[in-house]
């Protein structure tokens, strides 16, 4: 696991190669194995591989979703907020789990935050996605995870560059 964490980087450039159906099924399994508070599993997922929908998802927000247009696969991470008061955390956990699973399968990924983001000056990114994908009102959208075969290489962040000053032991003391 530590090796995956060392290698994980946000990949925003993908080759045109589709993700194999068997690999998509493994990613779905990873999502469904994600832990959630009290085992409530308020999350739901939309797996999108339709190129036209991916291009429209790339326009979901003003900044930071354009890379979706070149991804062969996206997973929209949603939840029924009435089922759990920690649905955001549960969705965040599922989002990173699928990113690590993708990396373990030789794929790249990037998170696009949707909750609390604007599509334009008139509506939210969530409302845009709700309309685009026919989501029921009961679902809240946390993120979209783009997944595909990487068309860029990023070096791991060296251990010496990690922010060790943000870690305290036993008691918080300003340095």
N, C-alpha and C. Protein backbone atom coordinates (compact mmCIF):
# COMPACT_ATOMS: atom_id res chain seq x y z
N UNK A 1 0.82 -1.19 0.00
CA UNK A 1 0.00 0.00 0.00
C UNK A 1 0.87 1.26 0.00
N UNK A 2 1.93 1.28 0.77
CA UNK A 2 2.76 2.49 0.84
C UNK A 2 3.36 2.80 -0.54
N UNK A 3 3.67 1.76 -1.31
CA UNK A 3 4.22 2.00 -2.65
C UNK A 3 3.17 2.65 -3.55
N UNK A 4 1.91 2.25 -3.44
CA UNK A 4 0.84 2.89 -4.20
C UNK A 4 0.72 4.36 -3.81
N UNK A 5 0.76 4.63 -2.52
CA UNK A 5 0.65 6.01 -2.06
C UNK A 5 1.83 6.85 -2.54
N UNK A 6 2.99 6.25 -2.59
CA UNK A 6 4.16 6.97 -3.08
C UNK A 6 4.03 7.30 -4.57
N UNK A 7 3.43 6.40 -5.33
CA UNK A 7 3.31 6.59 -6.78
C UNK A 7 2.09 7.40 -7.19
N UNK A 8 1.08 7.49 -6.34
CA UNK A 8 -0.18 8.12 -6.74
C UNK A 8 0.00 9.60 -7.02
N UNK A 9 -0.40 10.00 -8.22
CA UNK A 9 -0.38 11.40 -8.64
C UNK A 9 -1.65 11.65 -9.44
N UNK A 10 -2.06 12.89 -9.51
CA UNK A 10 -3.23 13.23 -10.31
C UNK A 10 -2.85 13.22 -11.79
N UNK A 11 -3.49 12.35 -12.55
CA UNK A 11 -3.24 12.22 -13.97
C UNK A 11 -4.41 12.86 -14.72
N UNK A 12 -4.09 13.84 -15.55
CA UNK A 12 -5.12 14.56 -16.29
C UNK A 12 -5.04 14.35 -17.80
N UNK A 13 -4.05 13.59 -18.23
CA UNK A 13 -3.89 13.29 -19.66
C UNK A 13 -3.95 11.78 -19.84
N UNK A 14 -4.81 11.36 -20.76
CA UNK A 14 -5.05 9.94 -20.97
C UNK A 14 -4.87 9.59 -22.44
N UNK A 15 -4.43 8.36 -22.71
CA UNK A 15 -4.39 7.86 -24.08
C UNK A 15 -5.84 7.62 -24.52
N UNK A 16 -6.04 7.35 -25.76
CA UNK A 16 -7.39 7.07 -26.25
C UNK A 16 -7.87 5.66 -25.96
N UNK A 17 -7.01 4.83 -25.38
CA UNK A 17 -7.35 3.43 -25.14
C UNK A 17 -8.46 3.30 -24.09
N UNK A 18 -9.51 2.55 -24.41
CA UNK A 18 -10.57 2.36 -23.43
C UNK A 18 -10.10 1.47 -22.28
N UNK A 19 -10.79 1.57 -21.17
CA UNK A 19 -10.51 0.69 -20.02
C UNK A 19 -11.26 -0.61 -20.27
N UNK A 20 -10.56 -1.72 -20.17
CA UNK A 20 -11.14 -3.03 -20.45
C UNK A 20 -12.34 -3.31 -19.53
N UNK A 21 -13.38 -3.94 -20.06
CA UNK A 21 -14.56 -4.24 -19.24
C UNK A 21 -14.24 -5.00 -17.95
N UNK A 22 -13.31 -5.93 -17.99
CA UNK A 22 -12.95 -6.68 -16.78
C UNK A 22 -12.32 -5.75 -15.75
N UNK A 23 -11.56 -4.78 -16.21
CA UNK A 23 -10.95 -3.80 -15.31
C UNK A 23 -12.01 -2.90 -14.70
N UNK A 24 -12.99 -2.49 -15.51
CA UNK A 24 -14.09 -1.68 -14.99
C UNK A 24 -14.82 -2.43 -13.88
N UNK A 25 -15.01 -3.72 -14.07
CA UNK A 25 -15.69 -4.52 -13.04
C UNK A 25 -14.87 -4.57 -11.75
N UNK A 26 -13.55 -4.63 -11.87
CA UNK A 26 -12.70 -4.61 -10.67
C UNK A 26 -12.80 -3.26 -9.96
N UNK A 27 -12.88 -2.18 -10.73
CA UNK A 27 -13.03 -0.85 -10.13
C UNK A 27 -14.37 -0.74 -9.40
N UNK A 28 -15.41 -1.29 -10.00
CA UNK A 28 -16.73 -1.29 -9.36
C UNK A 28 -16.67 -2.08 -8.06
N UNK A 29 -16.01 -3.23 -8.09
CA UNK A 29 -15.87 -4.02 -6.86
C UNK A 29 -15.15 -3.22 -5.78
N UNK A 30 -14.09 -2.51 -6.17
CA UNK A 30 -13.35 -1.69 -5.21
C UNK A 30 -14.26 -0.63 -4.59
N UNK A 31 -15.07 0.02 -5.41
CA UNK A 31 -16.02 1.02 -4.90
C UNK A 31 -16.96 0.41 -3.88
N UNK A 32 -17.50 -0.75 -4.22
CA UNK A 32 -18.49 -1.38 -3.35
C UNK A 32 -17.89 -1.97 -2.08
N UNK A 33 -16.57 -2.10 -2.05
CA UNK A 33 -15.88 -2.56 -0.84
C UNK A 33 -15.40 -1.41 0.03
N UNK A 34 -15.62 -0.19 -0.40
CA UNK A 34 -15.18 0.97 0.38
C UNK A 34 -15.92 0.99 1.72
N UNK A 35 -15.21 1.28 2.79
CA UNK A 35 -15.88 1.35 4.09
C UNK A 35 -16.77 2.58 4.19
N UNK A 36 -17.76 2.48 5.04
CA UNK A 36 -18.61 3.64 5.32
C UNK A 36 -19.01 3.60 6.79
N UNK A 37 -19.36 4.74 7.31
CA UNK A 37 -19.74 4.85 8.71
C UNK A 37 -20.93 3.94 9.02
N UNK A 38 -20.76 3.12 10.01
CA UNK A 38 -21.78 2.20 10.49
C UNK A 38 -22.28 1.25 9.40
N UNK A 39 -21.52 1.11 8.32
CA UNK A 39 -21.89 0.20 7.24
C UNK A 39 -23.17 0.60 6.52
N UNK A 40 -23.50 1.89 6.55
CA UNK A 40 -24.74 2.37 5.93
C UNK A 40 -24.63 2.40 4.41
N UNK A 41 -23.44 2.66 3.89
CA UNK A 41 -23.20 2.71 2.45
C UNK A 41 -24.19 3.63 1.74
N UNK A 42 -24.17 4.93 2.06
CA UNK A 42 -25.11 5.84 1.42
C UNK A 42 -24.74 6.18 -0.03
N UNK A 43 -23.52 5.79 -0.43
CA UNK A 43 -23.03 6.14 -1.75
C UNK A 43 -23.70 5.34 -2.85
N UNK A 44 -23.70 5.97 -4.03
CA UNK A 44 -24.12 5.32 -5.28
C UNK A 44 -23.17 5.85 -6.35
N UNK A 45 -22.97 5.06 -7.40
CA UNK A 45 -21.96 5.40 -8.39
C UNK A 45 -22.53 5.30 -9.80
N UNK A 46 -22.17 6.24 -10.65
CA UNK A 46 -22.50 6.17 -12.07
C UNK A 46 -21.20 6.00 -12.83
N UNK A 47 -21.11 4.93 -13.57
CA UNK A 47 -19.94 4.65 -14.38
C UNK A 47 -20.24 5.17 -15.79
N UNK A 48 -19.44 6.11 -16.25
CA UNK A 48 -19.69 6.77 -17.53
C UNK A 48 -18.54 6.47 -18.48
N UNK A 49 -18.86 5.88 -19.64
CA UNK A 49 -17.85 5.67 -20.67
C UNK A 49 -18.32 6.18 -22.03
N UNK A 50 -19.47 6.79 -22.08
CA UNK A 50 -20.01 7.40 -23.30
C UNK A 50 -19.25 8.69 -23.58
N UNK A 51 -18.58 8.77 -24.73
CA UNK A 51 -17.72 9.91 -25.07
C UNK A 51 -18.47 11.24 -25.05
N UNK A 52 -19.72 11.24 -25.52
CA UNK A 52 -20.51 12.47 -25.53
C UNK A 52 -20.80 12.94 -24.11
N UNK A 53 -21.16 12.01 -23.23
CA UNK A 53 -21.41 12.37 -21.83
C UNK A 53 -20.12 12.82 -21.13
N UNK A 54 -19.01 12.16 -21.44
CA UNK A 54 -17.73 12.57 -20.85
C UNK A 54 -17.38 14.00 -21.25
N UNK A 55 -17.62 14.35 -22.51
CA UNK A 55 -17.36 15.71 -22.97
C UNK A 55 -18.24 16.72 -22.24
N UNK A 56 -19.46 16.34 -21.96
CA UNK A 56 -20.37 17.23 -21.23
C UNK A 56 -20.01 17.30 -19.75
N UNK A 57 -19.56 16.18 -19.18
CA UNK A 57 -19.10 16.21 -17.78
C UNK A 57 -17.88 17.12 -17.64
N UNK A 58 -17.07 17.21 -18.69
CA UNK A 58 -15.88 18.07 -18.67
C UNK A 58 -16.26 19.54 -18.52
N UNK A 59 -17.51 19.87 -18.76
CA UNK A 59 -18.01 21.24 -18.64
C UNK A 59 -18.79 21.44 -17.34
N UNK A 60 -18.69 20.49 -16.42
CA UNK A 60 -19.50 20.52 -15.20
C UNK A 60 -19.26 21.74 -14.33
N UNK A 61 -18.04 22.23 -14.32
CA UNK A 61 -17.75 23.39 -13.48
C UNK A 61 -16.84 24.36 -14.21
N UNK A 62 -16.73 25.53 -13.65
CA UNK A 62 -16.00 26.61 -14.32
C UNK A 62 -14.52 26.26 -14.54
N UNK A 63 -13.91 25.60 -13.57
CA UNK A 63 -12.49 25.24 -13.66
C UNK A 63 -12.29 23.87 -13.02
N UNK A 64 -11.40 23.08 -13.60
CA UNK A 64 -10.98 21.85 -12.94
C UNK A 64 -11.75 20.60 -13.32
N UNK A 65 -12.48 20.62 -14.42
CA UNK A 65 -13.13 19.39 -14.87
C UNK A 65 -12.87 19.11 -16.35
N UNK A 66 -12.16 20.01 -17.02
CA UNK A 66 -11.96 19.88 -18.46
C UNK A 66 -11.22 18.62 -18.87
N UNK A 67 -10.38 18.07 -18.00
CA UNK A 67 -9.62 16.87 -18.33
C UNK A 67 -10.52 15.65 -18.54
N UNK A 68 -11.76 15.72 -18.07
CA UNK A 68 -12.69 14.59 -18.24
C UNK A 68 -12.99 14.30 -19.71
N UNK A 69 -12.86 15.29 -20.57
CA UNK A 69 -13.22 15.09 -21.98
C UNK A 69 -12.31 14.06 -22.66
N UNK A 70 -11.09 13.88 -22.16
CA UNK A 70 -10.17 12.92 -22.76
C UNK A 70 -10.05 11.63 -21.97
N UNK A 71 -10.77 11.52 -20.88
CA UNK A 71 -10.75 10.29 -20.09
C UNK A 71 -11.70 9.27 -20.73
N UNK A 72 -11.29 8.01 -20.80
CA UNK A 72 -12.19 7.01 -21.35
C UNK A 72 -13.26 6.55 -20.36
N UNK A 73 -13.08 6.92 -19.09
CA UNK A 73 -13.98 6.45 -18.05
C UNK A 73 -14.07 7.50 -16.95
N UNK A 74 -15.27 7.67 -16.43
CA UNK A 74 -15.45 8.54 -15.26
C UNK A 74 -16.43 7.86 -14.32
N UNK A 75 -16.20 8.07 -13.06
CA UNK A 75 -17.12 7.56 -12.04
C UNK A 75 -17.65 8.75 -11.26
N UNK A 76 -18.96 8.93 -11.32
CA UNK A 76 -19.63 9.99 -10.58
C UNK A 76 -20.00 9.41 -9.22
N UNK A 77 -19.46 10.02 -8.17
CA UNK A 77 -19.65 9.52 -6.81
C UNK A 77 -20.74 10.35 -6.14
N UNK A 78 -21.83 9.69 -5.80
CA UNK A 78 -23.01 10.34 -5.23
C UNK A 78 -23.39 9.66 -3.92
N UNK A 79 -24.33 10.28 -3.21
CA UNK A 79 -24.87 9.64 -2.01
C UNK A 79 -26.24 10.19 -1.70
N UNK A 80 -27.00 9.36 -0.99
CA UNK A 80 -28.28 9.78 -0.45
C UNK A 80 -27.99 10.39 0.91
N UNK A 81 -28.02 11.71 0.99
CA UNK A 81 -27.63 12.41 2.22
C UNK A 81 -28.60 12.17 3.37
N UNK A 82 -29.80 11.67 3.08
CA UNK A 82 -30.76 11.39 4.15
C UNK A 82 -30.42 10.11 4.90
N UNK A 83 -29.54 9.30 4.34
CA UNK A 83 -29.18 8.03 4.97
C UNK A 83 -28.06 8.15 5.99
N UNK A 84 -27.25 9.20 5.87
CA UNK A 84 -26.10 9.32 6.76
C UNK A 84 -25.66 10.77 6.88
N UNK A 85 -25.30 11.17 8.09
CA UNK A 85 -24.81 12.53 8.29
C UNK A 85 -23.34 12.67 7.87
N UNK A 86 -22.69 11.58 7.54
CA UNK A 86 -21.30 11.61 7.11
C UNK A 86 -21.15 11.08 5.68
N UNK A 87 -22.15 11.35 4.86
CA UNK A 87 -22.12 10.89 3.48
C UNK A 87 -20.94 11.49 2.72
N UNK A 88 -20.55 12.71 3.05
CA UNK A 88 -19.42 13.34 2.36
C UNK A 88 -18.14 12.55 2.62
N UNK A 89 -17.92 12.20 3.86
CA UNK A 89 -16.73 11.43 4.21
C UNK A 89 -16.76 10.05 3.54
N UNK A 90 -17.95 9.42 3.56
CA UNK A 90 -18.07 8.10 2.93
C UNK A 90 -17.77 8.17 1.44
N UNK A 91 -18.25 9.21 0.77
CA UNK A 91 -17.97 9.39 -0.66
C UNK A 91 -16.49 9.67 -0.90
N UNK A 92 -15.89 10.47 -0.02
CA UNK A 92 -14.47 10.77 -0.16
C UNK A 92 -13.63 9.50 -0.03
N UNK A 93 -13.99 8.65 0.91
CA UNK A 93 -13.27 7.39 1.09
C UNK A 93 -13.41 6.53 -0.17
N UNK A 94 -14.61 6.40 -0.69
CA UNK A 94 -14.82 5.60 -1.91
C UNK A 94 -14.04 6.19 -3.08
N UNK A 95 -13.99 7.50 -3.16
CA UNK A 95 -13.28 8.16 -4.25
C UNK A 95 -11.79 7.83 -4.22
N UNK A 96 -11.17 7.90 -3.07
CA UNK A 96 -9.74 7.61 -3.01
C UNK A 96 -9.47 6.11 -3.15
N UNK A 97 -10.39 5.29 -2.64
CA UNK A 97 -10.23 3.83 -2.81
C UNK A 97 -10.18 3.49 -4.30
N UNK A 98 -11.10 4.05 -5.10
CA UNK A 98 -11.11 3.71 -6.53
C UNK A 98 -9.88 4.29 -7.22
N UNK A 99 -9.37 5.41 -6.75
CA UNK A 99 -8.15 5.95 -7.34
C UNK A 99 -6.96 5.02 -7.07
N UNK A 100 -6.86 4.51 -5.87
CA UNK A 100 -5.77 3.59 -5.54
C UNK A 100 -5.94 2.26 -6.28
N UNK A 101 -7.17 1.80 -6.40
CA UNK A 101 -7.43 0.57 -7.16
C UNK A 101 -7.02 0.77 -8.62
N UNK A 102 -7.37 1.92 -9.19
CA UNK A 102 -7.00 2.21 -10.57
C UNK A 102 -5.48 2.18 -10.74
N UNK A 103 -4.77 2.81 -9.82
CA UNK A 103 -3.31 2.83 -9.90
C UNK A 103 -2.75 1.41 -9.81
N UNK A 104 -3.32 0.59 -8.94
CA UNK A 104 -2.84 -0.79 -8.79
C UNK A 104 -3.06 -1.61 -10.05
N UNK A 105 -3.99 -1.15 -10.90
CA UNK A 105 -4.29 -1.84 -12.16
C UNK A 105 -3.58 -1.19 -13.35
N UNK A 106 -2.65 -0.27 -13.06
CA UNK A 106 -1.87 0.36 -14.11
C UNK A 106 -2.53 1.56 -14.76
N UNK A 107 -3.57 2.09 -14.13
CA UNK A 107 -4.30 3.23 -14.67
C UNK A 107 -3.98 4.50 -13.91
N UNK A 108 -4.29 5.62 -14.52
CA UNK A 108 -4.17 6.90 -13.86
C UNK A 108 -5.56 7.43 -13.54
N UNK A 109 -5.61 8.42 -12.64
CA UNK A 109 -6.90 8.99 -12.27
C UNK A 109 -6.73 10.40 -11.75
N UNK A 110 -7.85 11.12 -11.71
CA UNK A 110 -7.86 12.45 -11.13
C UNK A 110 -9.25 12.75 -10.59
N UNK A 111 -9.29 13.36 -9.43
CA UNK A 111 -10.51 13.74 -8.74
C UNK A 111 -10.95 15.11 -9.22
N UNK A 112 -12.23 15.25 -9.50
CA UNK A 112 -12.82 16.56 -9.78
C UNK A 112 -13.90 16.79 -8.73
N UNK A 113 -13.68 17.77 -7.86
CA UNK A 113 -14.64 18.09 -6.81
C UNK A 113 -15.89 18.70 -7.42
N UNK A 114 -17.06 18.23 -7.02
CA UNK A 114 -18.32 18.75 -7.55
C UNK A 114 -19.13 19.45 -6.46
N UNK A 115 -19.23 18.83 -5.29
CA UNK A 115 -20.01 19.43 -4.20
C UNK A 115 -19.48 20.83 -3.90
N UNK A 116 -20.39 21.77 -3.79
CA UNK A 116 -20.09 23.17 -3.45
C UNK A 116 -19.32 23.90 -4.56
N UNK A 117 -19.41 23.43 -5.79
CA UNK A 117 -18.77 24.10 -6.91
C UNK A 117 -19.83 24.62 -7.88
N UNK A 118 -19.50 25.66 -8.62
CA UNK A 118 -20.42 26.26 -9.58
C UNK A 118 -20.18 25.73 -10.98
N UNK A 119 -21.27 25.57 -11.70
CA UNK A 119 -21.18 25.27 -13.13
C UNK A 119 -20.95 26.58 -13.88
N UNK A 120 -21.72 27.56 -13.53
CA UNK A 120 -21.60 28.91 -14.07
C UNK A 120 -22.19 29.85 -13.01
N UNK A 121 -22.44 31.08 -13.37
CA UNK A 121 -22.97 32.04 -12.40
C UNK A 121 -24.41 31.79 -12.00
N UNK A 122 -25.08 30.86 -12.69
CA UNK A 122 -26.51 30.65 -12.45
C UNK A 122 -26.85 29.35 -11.74
N UNK A 123 -26.03 28.34 -11.88
CA UNK A 123 -26.37 27.06 -11.23
C UNK A 123 -25.12 26.32 -10.79
N UNK A 124 -25.35 25.37 -9.92
CA UNK A 124 -24.25 24.60 -9.35
C UNK A 124 -23.81 23.50 -10.31
N UNK A 125 -22.60 23.02 -10.10
CA UNK A 125 -22.09 21.88 -10.86
C UNK A 125 -22.97 20.66 -10.60
N UNK A 126 -23.41 20.52 -9.36
CA UNK A 126 -24.26 19.38 -9.01
C UNK A 126 -25.58 19.41 -9.79
N UNK A 127 -26.21 20.58 -9.90
CA UNK A 127 -27.46 20.69 -10.66
C UNK A 127 -27.23 20.39 -12.14
N UNK A 128 -26.12 20.86 -12.68
CA UNK A 128 -25.77 20.57 -14.07
C UNK A 128 -25.66 19.06 -14.28
N UNK A 129 -24.94 18.37 -13.39
CA UNK A 129 -24.76 16.92 -13.50
C UNK A 129 -26.08 16.20 -13.27
N UNK A 130 -26.86 16.67 -12.32
CA UNK A 130 -28.17 16.05 -12.03
C UNK A 130 -29.03 16.02 -13.30
N UNK A 131 -29.07 17.16 -13.99
CA UNK A 131 -29.86 17.24 -15.22
C UNK A 131 -29.24 16.38 -16.33
N UNK A 132 -27.94 16.45 -16.51
CA UNK A 132 -27.25 15.72 -17.56
C UNK A 132 -27.43 14.21 -17.44
N UNK A 133 -27.35 13.70 -16.20
CA UNK A 133 -27.36 12.25 -15.97
C UNK A 133 -28.69 11.73 -15.41
N UNK A 134 -29.69 12.59 -15.34
CA UNK A 134 -31.01 12.19 -14.83
C UNK A 134 -30.94 11.67 -13.39
N UNK A 135 -30.15 12.33 -12.56
CA UNK A 135 -30.04 11.91 -11.17
C UNK A 135 -31.30 12.30 -10.39
N UNK A 136 -31.73 11.42 -9.50
CA UNK A 136 -32.87 11.79 -8.66
C UNK A 136 -32.46 12.87 -7.65
N UNK A 137 -33.41 13.66 -7.21
CA UNK A 137 -33.16 14.75 -6.26
C UNK A 137 -32.52 14.26 -4.97
N UNK A 138 -32.79 13.03 -4.58
CA UNK A 138 -32.28 12.51 -3.30
C UNK A 138 -30.77 12.33 -3.29
N UNK A 139 -30.15 12.31 -4.48
CA UNK A 139 -28.70 12.10 -4.55
C UNK A 139 -27.94 13.41 -4.59
N UNK A 140 -26.88 13.46 -3.79
CA UNK A 140 -25.93 14.57 -3.79
C UNK A 140 -24.67 14.07 -4.50
N UNK A 141 -24.03 14.95 -5.23
CA UNK A 141 -22.82 14.58 -5.97
C UNK A 141 -21.60 15.13 -5.24
N UNK A 142 -20.70 14.23 -4.89
CA UNK A 142 -19.45 14.63 -4.22
C UNK A 142 -18.34 14.90 -5.22
N UNK A 143 -18.11 13.95 -6.13
CA UNK A 143 -16.95 14.06 -7.01
C UNK A 143 -17.16 13.28 -8.29
N UNK A 144 -16.28 13.55 -9.23
CA UNK A 144 -16.16 12.72 -10.43
C UNK A 144 -14.70 12.29 -10.50
N UNK A 145 -14.48 11.00 -10.68
CA UNK A 145 -13.13 10.48 -10.79
C UNK A 145 -12.90 10.08 -12.24
N UNK A 146 -11.96 10.74 -12.90
CA UNK A 146 -11.55 10.38 -14.26
C UNK A 146 -10.54 9.25 -14.17
N UNK A 147 -10.68 8.26 -15.03
CA UNK A 147 -9.79 7.09 -15.01
C UNK A 147 -9.43 6.71 -16.44
N UNK A 148 -8.16 6.36 -16.63
CA UNK A 148 -7.74 5.90 -17.94
C UNK A 148 -6.27 5.53 -17.96
N UNK A 149 -5.83 5.14 -19.13
CA UNK A 149 -4.41 4.82 -19.32
C UNK A 149 -3.65 6.14 -19.40
N UNK A 150 -2.67 6.33 -18.52
CA UNK A 150 -1.98 7.62 -18.47
C UNK A 150 -1.22 7.96 -19.74
N UNK A 151 -1.31 9.24 -20.12
CA UNK A 151 -0.54 9.75 -21.23
C UNK A 151 0.41 10.83 -20.72
N UNK A 152 0.77 10.71 -19.47
CA UNK A 152 1.77 11.58 -18.85
C UNK A 152 2.39 10.80 -17.70
N UNK A 153 3.61 11.15 -17.39
CA UNK A 153 4.33 10.52 -16.29
C UNK A 153 4.70 11.58 -15.28
N UNK A 154 4.36 11.33 -14.05
CA UNK A 154 4.72 12.26 -12.98
C UNK A 154 5.54 11.50 -11.95
N UNK A 155 6.62 12.10 -11.54
CA UNK A 155 7.47 11.47 -10.53
C UNK A 155 6.81 11.56 -9.16
N UNK A 156 7.04 10.57 -8.32
CA UNK A 156 6.52 10.66 -6.95
C UNK A 156 7.11 11.87 -6.23
N UNK A 157 6.37 12.38 -5.29
CA UNK A 157 6.89 13.46 -4.45
C UNK A 157 7.96 12.85 -3.55
N UNK A 158 9.17 13.39 -3.56
CA UNK A 158 10.23 12.83 -2.72
C UNK A 158 9.86 12.94 -1.23
N UNK A 159 10.26 11.95 -0.47
CA UNK A 159 9.96 11.94 0.97
C UNK A 159 10.48 13.20 1.65
N UNK A 160 11.60 13.72 1.20
CA UNK A 160 12.18 14.92 1.82
C UNK A 160 11.29 16.15 1.62
N UNK A 161 10.39 16.10 0.63
CA UNK A 161 9.50 17.24 0.35
C UNK A 161 8.14 17.13 1.04
N UNK A 162 7.92 16.07 1.79
CA UNK A 162 6.66 15.92 2.52
C UNK A 162 6.61 16.93 3.66
N UNK A 163 5.45 17.33 4.06
CA UNK A 163 5.26 18.37 5.07
C UNK A 163 5.25 17.79 6.49
N UNK A 164 6.38 17.32 6.90
CA UNK A 164 6.50 16.69 8.22
C UNK A 164 6.18 17.66 9.35
N UNK A 165 6.31 18.95 9.16
CA UNK A 165 6.00 19.94 10.20
C UNK A 165 4.51 19.93 10.55
N UNK A 166 3.70 19.34 9.72
CA UNK A 166 2.25 19.27 10.00
C UNK A 166 1.89 18.10 10.89
N UNK A 167 2.88 17.34 11.31
CA UNK A 167 2.65 16.18 12.18
C UNK A 167 3.17 16.50 13.57
N UNK A 168 2.32 16.36 14.54
CA UNK A 168 2.70 16.56 15.95
C UNK A 168 2.58 15.21 16.66
N UNK A 169 3.29 15.09 17.75
CA UNK A 169 3.23 13.83 18.51
C UNK A 169 2.80 14.13 19.94
N UNK A 170 1.76 13.46 20.34
CA UNK A 170 1.20 13.52 21.71
C UNK A 170 0.52 14.82 22.04
N UNK A 171 1.14 15.95 21.83
CA UNK A 171 0.53 17.26 22.10
C UNK A 171 0.87 18.21 20.98
N UNK A 172 -0.02 19.14 20.75
CA UNK A 172 0.22 20.14 19.72
C UNK A 172 1.08 21.24 20.28
N UNK A 173 2.22 21.45 19.68
CA UNK A 173 3.12 22.53 20.08
C UNK A 173 3.58 23.25 18.82
N UNK A 174 3.46 24.58 18.81
CA UNK A 174 3.96 25.35 17.67
C UNK A 174 5.46 25.20 17.59
N UNK A 175 5.94 25.10 16.38
CA UNK A 175 7.39 24.97 16.20
C UNK A 175 8.07 26.32 16.25
